[in-house]
Structure formats: C-alpha cells, structure tokens
Amino acid sequence: MASNVEAWAEVRQTSIEIAQAIFEVAHDDEALAQKIWEEGSDEALQIAFARTDKNQLFWGEETVERQNV
C-alpha cells in the first residue's frame, strides 16, 4: 500500500505525511480517504505533524503550517 499512497499523494499534490495519516484515519479505505481529503481532517493533520519535523505540509493547493494545527 505504501507505493499506492505515494502515488495517491502525488496526484493530489499532497505531502506524503498527510496522505499516510489520511489512510490511517480511513483504515486503508481509499474511498473514505478521498472523502477525508476533500473534507479535511484535524485528526489526520495532527498525526501527520506528529511524524515529521517539517513546519509546513501540503494538502492539495493549501499549505498547512504546524503552528495552526
């Protein structure tokens, strides 16, 4: 699934950390992951930032700042 998540993230111009967190929240259900990606998820953002030291991640066209999570 890891390479699929990477491809999924690339197509959506989304940071891999966020994509992995979305799939974790969605329990690897791609349809649910897509819905979460479209609607947003504070839980996914918290998971993503907990796993990286980056201060910015990308969720599609939106740049998410660590300090805003």
Protein backbone atom coordinates (compact mmCIF):
# COMPACT_ATOMS: atom_id res chain seq x y z
CA MET A 1 0.00 0.00 0.00
CA ALA A 2 2.91 2.39 0.63
CA SER A 3 3.70 2.96 -3.04
CA ASN A 4 -0.02 3.37 -3.75
CA VAL A 5 -0.25 6.02 -1.03
CA GLU A 6 2.76 7.81 -2.53
CA ALA A 7 1.12 7.84 -5.98
CA TRP A 8 -2.20 8.91 -4.43
CA ALA A 9 -0.43 11.80 -2.67
CA GLU A 10 1.45 12.86 -5.79
CA VAL A 11 -1.70 13.02 -7.92
CA ARG A 12 -3.34 15.20 -5.28
CA GLN A 13 -0.24 17.36 -4.69
CA THR A 14 -0.40 16.39 -1.03
CA SER A 15 2.51 15.73 1.33
CA ILE A 16 3.15 12.03 1.84
CA GLU A 17 2.91 12.54 5.61
CA ILE A 18 -0.64 13.83 5.23
CA ALA A 19 -1.58 11.09 2.77
CA GLN A 20 -0.31 8.39 5.13
CA ALA A 21 -2.24 9.94 8.02
CA ILE A 22 -5.41 10.16 5.92
CA PHE A 23 -5.15 6.47 5.04
CA GLU A 24 -4.55 5.64 8.70
CA VAL A 25 -7.68 7.55 9.73
CA ALA A 26 -9.58 5.87 6.85
CA HIS A 27 -8.30 2.40 7.86
CA ASP A 28 -6.84 1.97 4.34
CA ASP A 29 -10.25 2.51 2.66
CA GLU A 30 -9.41 4.52 -0.45
CA ALA A 31 -12.96 5.82 -0.96
CA LEU A 32 -13.06 7.08 2.62
CA ALA A 33 -9.55 8.50 2.23
CA GLN A 34 -10.73 10.50 -0.77
CA LYS A 35 -13.68 11.85 1.23
CA ILE A 36 -11.37 12.82 4.10
CA TRP A 37 -9.00 14.51 1.65
CA GLU A 38 -11.88 16.52 0.18
CA GLU A 39 -13.40 17.50 3.54
CA GLY A 40 -10.29 17.86 5.69
CA SER A 41 -9.40 16.24 8.99
CA ASP A 42 -7.85 17.75 12.09
CA GLU A 43 -7.00 14.23 13.25
CA ALA A 44 -5.05 13.49 10.06
CA LEU A 45 -3.14 16.77 10.39
CA GLN A 46 -2.23 16.03 13.99
CA ILE A 47 -0.96 12.57 13.04
CA ALA A 48 0.99 13.92 10.06
CA PHE A 49 2.77 16.64 12.03
CA ALA A 50 3.49 14.24 14.90
CA ARG A 51 5.53 12.12 12.47
CA THR A 52 7.67 14.84 10.93
CA ASP A 53 9.77 17.79 11.96
CA LYS A 54 8.64 19.83 8.94
CA ASN A 55 6.85 23.07 9.73
CA GLN A 56 4.79 23.06 6.52
CA LEU A 57 2.89 20.31 4.76
CA PHE A 58 0.74 20.48 1.66
CA TRP A 59 -2.88 19.39 1.42
CA GLY A 60 -3.67 19.88 -2.24
CA GLU A 61 -3.29 23.59 -3.01
CA GLU A 62 -3.32 24.51 0.69
CA THR A 63 -0.16 24.91 2.73
CA VAL A 64 -0.71 23.84 6.33
CA GLU A 65 1.52 25.36 8.99
CA ARG A 66 2.46 23.33 12.06
CA GLN A 67 1.60 26.24 14.37
CA ASN A 68 -2.00 26.23 13.06
CA VAL A 69 -2.65 22.58 13.89
